[in-house]
Protein backbone atom coordinates (compact mmCIF):
# COMPACT_ATOMS: atom_id res chain seq x y z
CA MET A 1 28.62 144.16 183.26
CA GLY A 2 26.78 144.25 179.96
CA LEU A 3 23.67 145.69 178.33
CA GLU A 4 22.22 147.25 181.48
CA ARG A 5 24.56 150.24 181.26
CA ALA A 6 26.32 152.08 178.46
CA ASP A 7 29.89 151.11 179.25
CA ASP A 8 32.64 150.69 176.69
CA ALA A 9 32.90 146.89 176.92
CA GLY A 10 31.27 143.88 178.53
CA VAL A 11 32.89 142.25 181.56
CA TYR A 12 32.33 138.63 182.64
CA ARG A 13 33.77 137.34 185.91
CA LEU A 14 35.45 133.95 185.69
CA THR A 15 36.92 133.74 189.20
CA ASP A 16 37.27 136.01 192.22
CA ASP A 17 40.41 137.56 190.73
CA LEU A 18 39.89 137.21 186.97
CA ALA A 19 37.34 138.58 184.51
CA ILE A 20 37.30 138.84 180.73
CA VAL A 21 36.60 142.10 178.89
CA GLN A 22 34.95 141.87 175.47
CA THR A 23 34.23 144.46 172.80
CA VAL A 24 33.67 144.76 169.05
CA ASP A 25 33.97 147.73 166.71
CA PHE A 26 34.19 148.22 162.95
CA PHE A 27 33.49 151.05 160.51
CA THR A 28 33.94 152.37 156.98
CA PRO A 29 37.27 154.02 155.97
CA VAL A 30 38.13 157.34 157.61
CA VAL A 31 41.34 157.86 155.58
CA ASP A 32 42.32 157.04 151.99
CA ASP A 33 45.38 154.91 152.75
CA PRO A 34 44.38 151.24 153.38
CA TYR A 35 47.28 150.46 155.71
CA THR A 36 46.58 153.52 157.88
CA PHE A 37 42.88 152.66 157.93
CA GLY A 38 43.75 149.21 159.28
CA GLN A 39 45.89 150.73 162.01
CA ILE A 40 43.18 153.19 163.04
CA ALA A 41 40.46 150.53 163.13
CA ALA A 42 42.61 148.29 165.32
CA ALA A 43 43.60 151.08 167.72
CA ASN A 44 39.96 152.10 167.98
CA ALA A 45 38.77 148.58 168.84
CA LEU A 46 41.50 148.05 171.44
CA SER A 47 40.68 151.34 173.13
CA ASP A 48 37.46 150.07 174.71
CA VAL A 49 39.40 147.45 176.67
CA TYR A 50 41.94 150.04 177.82
CA ALA A 51 39.10 152.33 178.95
CA MET A 52 37.73 149.57 181.22
CA GLY A 53 41.10 149.16 182.93
CA GLY A 54 41.73 145.91 181.08
CA ARG A 55 44.61 144.37 179.16
CA PRO A 56 43.72 143.25 175.62
CA LEU A 57 45.02 139.78 174.76
CA THR A 58 43.38 138.42 171.59
CA ALA A 59 41.50 139.81 168.61
CA MET A 60 39.52 138.60 165.59
CA ASN A 61 39.16 140.47 162.31
CA ILE A 62 35.78 141.58 160.97
CA VAL A 63 35.83 142.33 157.23
CA CYS A 64 33.21 143.48 154.74
CA PHE A 65 34.88 143.79 151.34
CA PRO A 66 33.51 144.76 147.89
CA SER A 67 35.49 142.23 145.88
CA GLN A 68 33.92 143.35 142.59
CA LYS A 69 34.98 146.97 143.08
CA LEU A 70 38.36 146.89 144.85
CA ASP A 71 41.56 144.97 144.22
CA ILE A 72 42.44 142.35 146.82
CA SER A 73 45.70 144.25 147.49
CA VAL A 74 43.59 146.90 149.29
CA LEU A 75 42.35 144.27 151.74
CA ARG A 76 45.86 142.92 152.25
CA ASP A 77 47.10 146.40 153.20
CA ILE A 78 44.19 146.96 155.60
CA LEU A 79 44.83 143.65 157.36
CA ARG A 80 48.57 144.35 157.48
CA GLY A 81 47.89 147.68 159.18
CA GLY A 82 45.61 146.01 161.68
CA ILE A 83 47.98 143.20 162.60
CA ASP A 84 50.95 145.58 162.90
CA LYS A 85 48.95 147.62 165.41
CA LEU A 86 48.00 144.46 167.30
CA HIS A 87 51.68 143.47 167.48
CA GLU A 88 52.49 146.92 168.86
CA ALA A 89 49.85 146.36 171.55
CA GLY A 90 51.07 142.83 172.36
CA VAL A 91 47.76 141.35 171.17
CA VAL A 92 47.44 138.05 169.26
CA LEU A 93 45.22 137.77 166.19
CA VAL A 94 43.40 134.42 166.51
CA GLY A 95 41.01 134.49 163.54
CA GLY A 96 38.19 136.46 161.99
CA HIS A 97 35.42 136.43 159.42
CA SER A 98 34.84 138.14 156.08
CA VAL A 99 31.84 138.70 153.82
CA ASP A 100 31.44 140.16 150.36
CA ASP A 101 29.67 143.52 150.76
CA VAL A 102 28.95 146.57 148.62
CA GLU A 103 30.74 148.83 151.13
CA LEU A 104 34.17 148.36 152.69
CA LYS A 105 34.20 147.95 156.47
CA TYR A 106 36.87 146.72 158.87
CA GLY A 107 37.30 146.30 162.60
CA LEU A 108 37.95 143.77 165.31
CA SER A 109 36.44 141.86 168.17
CA VAL A 110 38.81 142.10 171.14
CA THR A 111 39.07 140.06 174.33
CA GLY A 112 41.10 141.09 177.36
CA THR A 113 41.36 140.48 181.07
CA VAL A 114 40.86 142.58 184.19
CA HIS A 115 40.65 142.01 187.93
CA PRO A 116 36.93 142.12 188.87
CA GLY A 117 37.66 144.58 191.67
CA ARG A 118 39.60 146.97 189.42
CA VAL A 119 37.16 147.45 186.56
CA LEU A 120 36.84 151.09 185.51
CA THR A 121 33.46 152.27 184.29
CA LYS A 122 32.09 155.53 182.96
CA ALA A 123 30.37 156.11 186.30
CA GLY A 124 32.32 156.85 189.46
CA ALA A 125 33.43 160.46 189.08
CA ARG A 126 33.44 162.17 192.47
CA PRO A 127 33.11 165.88 193.27
CA GLY A 128 36.62 167.31 193.41
CA ASP A 129 37.99 164.94 190.79
CA ALA A 130 40.02 166.43 187.95
CA LEU A 131 39.11 165.54 184.37
CA ILE A 132 41.98 164.55 182.09
CA LEU A 133 41.82 164.07 178.32
CA THR A 134 44.74 162.30 176.61
CA LYS A 135 44.32 163.15 172.89
CA PRO A 136 43.28 166.30 170.98
CA ILE A 137 39.78 166.41 169.54
CA GLY A 138 38.57 167.54 166.12
CA THR A 139 39.07 164.42 164.00
CA GLY A 140 35.55 164.64 162.56
CA ILE A 141 35.93 168.28 161.57
CA ILE A 142 39.33 167.76 159.95
CA SER A 143 38.08 164.66 158.11
CA THR A 144 35.14 166.69 156.78
CA ALA A 145 37.51 169.46 155.70
CA VAL A 146 39.77 166.95 153.93
CA LYS A 147 36.79 165.59 151.98
CA GLY A 148 35.90 169.15 150.99
CA GLY A 149 39.44 169.94 149.89
CA MET A 150 39.80 172.52 152.67
CA ALA A 151 42.54 170.84 154.74
CA GLY A 152 46.06 170.04 153.63
CA GLU A 153 48.28 167.00 154.01
CA GLU A 154 49.82 168.29 157.24
CA ALA A 155 46.46 168.46 159.03
CA ALA A 156 45.29 165.15 157.59
CA GLY A 157 48.55 163.46 158.60
CA ALA A 158 48.41 164.77 162.18
CA VAL A 159 44.87 163.51 162.62
CA ALA A 160 45.68 160.11 161.11
CA ARG A 161 48.68 159.67 163.43
CA SER A 162 46.55 160.54 166.45
CA MET A 163 43.77 158.13 165.46
CA ALA A 164 46.29 155.34 164.88
CA ALA A 165 48.02 155.90 168.24
CA LEU A 166 47.25 153.33 170.92
CA ASN A 167 45.82 154.34 174.28
CA LYS A 168 48.05 151.66 175.83
CA ALA A 169 50.55 153.99 177.53
CA ALA A 170 47.78 156.25 178.84
CA ALA A 171 45.91 153.25 180.24
CA GLU A 172 49.02 151.90 181.98
CA VAL A 173 49.66 155.26 183.67
CA MET A 174 45.99 155.53 184.62
CA LEU A 175 46.10 152.14 186.35
CA GLU A 176 49.38 152.96 188.06
CA VAL A 177 48.22 156.28 189.52
CA GLY A 178 44.54 155.40 189.89
CA ALA A 179 41.30 156.80 188.48
CA HIS A 180 37.67 156.78 189.58
CA ALA A 181 36.11 156.63 186.10
CA CYS A 182 37.15 156.43 182.47
CA THR A 183 35.80 156.29 178.93
CA ASP A 184 37.29 156.73 175.48
CA ILE A 185 36.11 159.55 173.25
CA THR A 186 34.53 158.31 170.03
CA GLY A 187 31.35 158.96 168.04
CA PHE A 188 29.36 160.94 170.61
CA GLY A 189 32.09 163.57 170.97
CA LEU A 190 33.65 164.84 174.19
CA LEU A 191 30.41 166.29 175.57
CA GLY A 192 28.33 163.28 174.54
CA HIS A 193 30.62 160.89 176.39
CA ALA A 194 30.85 163.31 179.33
CA CYS A 195 27.05 163.12 179.58
CA GLU A 196 27.26 159.33 179.75
CA MET A 197 29.62 159.66 182.73
CA VAL A 198 27.13 161.65 184.83
CA GLN A 199 23.85 160.09 183.71
CA ASP A 200 22.05 158.75 186.83
CA SER A 201 24.99 160.00 188.91
CA PRO A 202 25.19 162.24 192.01
CA ALA A 203 27.94 164.25 190.29
CA GLY A 204 28.14 166.71 187.43
CA LEU A 205 31.07 167.89 185.34
CA ARG A 206 32.47 171.34 184.57
CA ILE A 207 34.55 171.53 181.39
CA HIS A 208 36.78 174.48 180.52
CA SER A 209 36.55 174.76 176.74
CA ALA A 210 39.81 176.74 176.44
CA ALA A 211 41.71 173.93 178.20
CA VAL A 212 40.56 171.17 175.83
CA PRO A 213 43.35 170.16 173.39
CA VAL A 214 42.31 170.46 169.73
CA PHE A 215 44.15 170.01 166.44
CA PRO A 216 45.57 173.35 165.22
CA GLN A 217 43.27 173.92 162.22
CA VAL A 218 40.07 172.78 163.92
CA PRO A 219 38.80 176.15 165.27
CA GLU A 220 39.17 177.77 161.86
CA MET A 221 37.47 174.86 160.10
CA ALA A 222 34.61 174.88 162.64
CA ARG A 223 34.03 178.60 162.06
CA MET A 224 33.89 177.88 158.32
CA GLY A 225 31.14 175.32 158.90
CA MET A 226 33.21 172.22 158.06
CA VAL A 227 31.25 170.20 160.60
CA PRO A 228 30.05 166.59 160.14
CA GLY A 229 26.36 165.79 160.47
CA GLY A 230 27.00 163.71 163.58
CA THR A 231 27.90 166.88 165.47
CA TYR A 232 24.35 168.22 165.16
CA ARG A 233 22.83 164.88 166.16
CA ASN A 234 25.12 164.69 169.21
CA ARG A 235 24.20 168.21 170.31
CA GLU A 236 20.47 167.71 169.82
CA TYR A 237 20.47 164.42 171.72
CA ARG A 238 22.26 165.84 174.78
CA ALA A 239 21.05 169.46 174.71
CA ARG A 240 19.07 169.14 177.96
CA MET A 241 22.11 167.96 179.91
CA VAL A 242 24.56 170.65 178.75
CA ASP A 243 24.71 174.26 179.96
CA ALA A 244 27.02 176.12 177.61
CA ALA A 245 25.78 179.71 177.93
CA GLY A 246 28.50 182.08 176.74
CA VAL A 247 30.32 179.44 174.66
CA ASP A 248 30.29 180.33 170.96
CA ARG A 249 28.79 178.02 168.36
CA ALA A 250 32.08 176.94 166.78
CA ALA A 251 33.60 176.00 170.15
CA LEU A 252 30.51 173.97 171.01
CA ASP A 253 30.66 172.23 167.63
CA ILE A 254 34.21 171.12 168.44
CA LEU A 255 33.15 169.72 171.81
CA PHE A 256 30.35 167.70 170.17
CA ASP A 257 32.46 166.67 167.16
CA PRO A 258 32.27 162.87 166.66
CA GLN A 259 35.71 161.35 167.12
CA THR A 260 37.34 158.23 165.73
CA SER A 261 39.84 156.46 168.00
CA GLY A 262 39.99 159.38 170.43
CA GLY A 263 41.80 159.60 173.73
CA LEU A 264 40.91 158.43 177.21
CA PHE A 265 38.78 160.77 179.32
CA MET A 266 39.27 160.05 183.00
CA ALA A 267 38.18 161.33 186.39
CA VAL A 268 41.12 161.41 188.82
CA ASP A 269 41.33 162.48 192.45
CA GLY A 270 42.18 166.18 192.41
CA GLY A 271 45.21 165.62 194.59
CA GLN A 272 46.61 163.09 192.12
CA ALA A 273 45.92 165.06 188.96
CA GLY A 274 49.33 166.71 188.79
CA LEU A 275 51.09 163.37 189.25
CA MET A 276 48.85 161.74 186.63
CA LEU A 277 49.56 164.49 184.10
CA SER A 278 53.33 164.40 184.65
CA ARG A 279 53.40 160.59 184.36
CA LEU A 280 51.38 160.76 181.14
CA LYS A 281 53.83 163.25 179.66
CA GLU A 282 56.77 161.05 180.69
CA ALA A 283 55.06 158.10 178.96
CA GLY A 284 54.86 160.05 175.70
CA VAL A 285 51.21 161.13 175.95
CA ALA A 286 52.22 164.64 174.95
CA ASP A 287 48.77 166.19 174.46
CA ALA A 288 47.25 165.09 177.78
CA ALA A 289 45.58 167.97 179.62
CA ILE A 290 43.42 168.73 182.65
CA VAL A 291 40.18 169.99 181.10
CA GLY A 292 37.79 170.38 184.03
CA GLU A 293 36.53 168.92 187.27
CA ALA A 294 33.68 166.90 188.73
CA VAL A 295 31.24 168.90 190.86
CA SER A 296 28.40 168.15 193.27
CA HIS A 297 26.07 170.73 191.73
CA PRO A 298 24.42 170.68 189.31
CA ALA A 299 24.29 166.88 189.36
CA GLN A 300 23.81 164.91 186.14
CA ARG A 301 24.67 167.96 184.06
CA ILE A 302 27.66 169.30 182.12
CA VAL A 303 28.57 172.97 182.55
CA VAL A 304 30.88 174.35 179.85
CA ASP A 305 32.70 177.65 180.29
């Protein structure tokens, strides 16, 4: 599994019962605190392995650092945040590479394992499946509001904690109960990644906007226009696949808001959805919610109500 489809990670089969999962992700800072940035970048990179049903095992740092502009203590704090998050996940740091660059960037290449017959992909949602999202959305909107001085420390802190939180517990519950499809919500927003799940698929998705968990200040900020540019690009790119008649502009902006280190978005047999949700809550995934269902018609489309 590789470039032929837009899945979250590559999978290479080694034996009949063992495959490796590989991914890489890095980006510029999304928060001011270096240590927190390191944690978020690590959690984000690990998430792609979790979304494929895999167990991350090793990681390598990727660093672009402006040594002429920033003190080396900033880099130390970033790397400390990253390795602390890897320790929390039970992942071993085995190396990395750094270059001098004009712009700070950090992330990781991650390798994990999975049984070849238990790989989860974005495809696979079946009519009647329930859709479960494990983290609130709105990180892009709140980050934009913080930059504009329109969001306080409480909102910024809540978003940072969510972005730094591992999807490990959610992935373990998902594998225990069983899911038909999964992805993690990142730069394309909830609706953008939902479109990836039904592209070239016999199923479609219906998403109930009022059921989607969002950070408390996000609706107000969206109505004020504190929306990142990526939101508009996401909406324009997927406009033909989304039917959102009757949904107001601010609510749609939230659903297309580009996320950093978002939650898992999974399709689960409707009869197992209640069990999945209760197990997630027991595992500490407090914001998990059923946000819609897979449908047979219209296929390859997202209906938002």
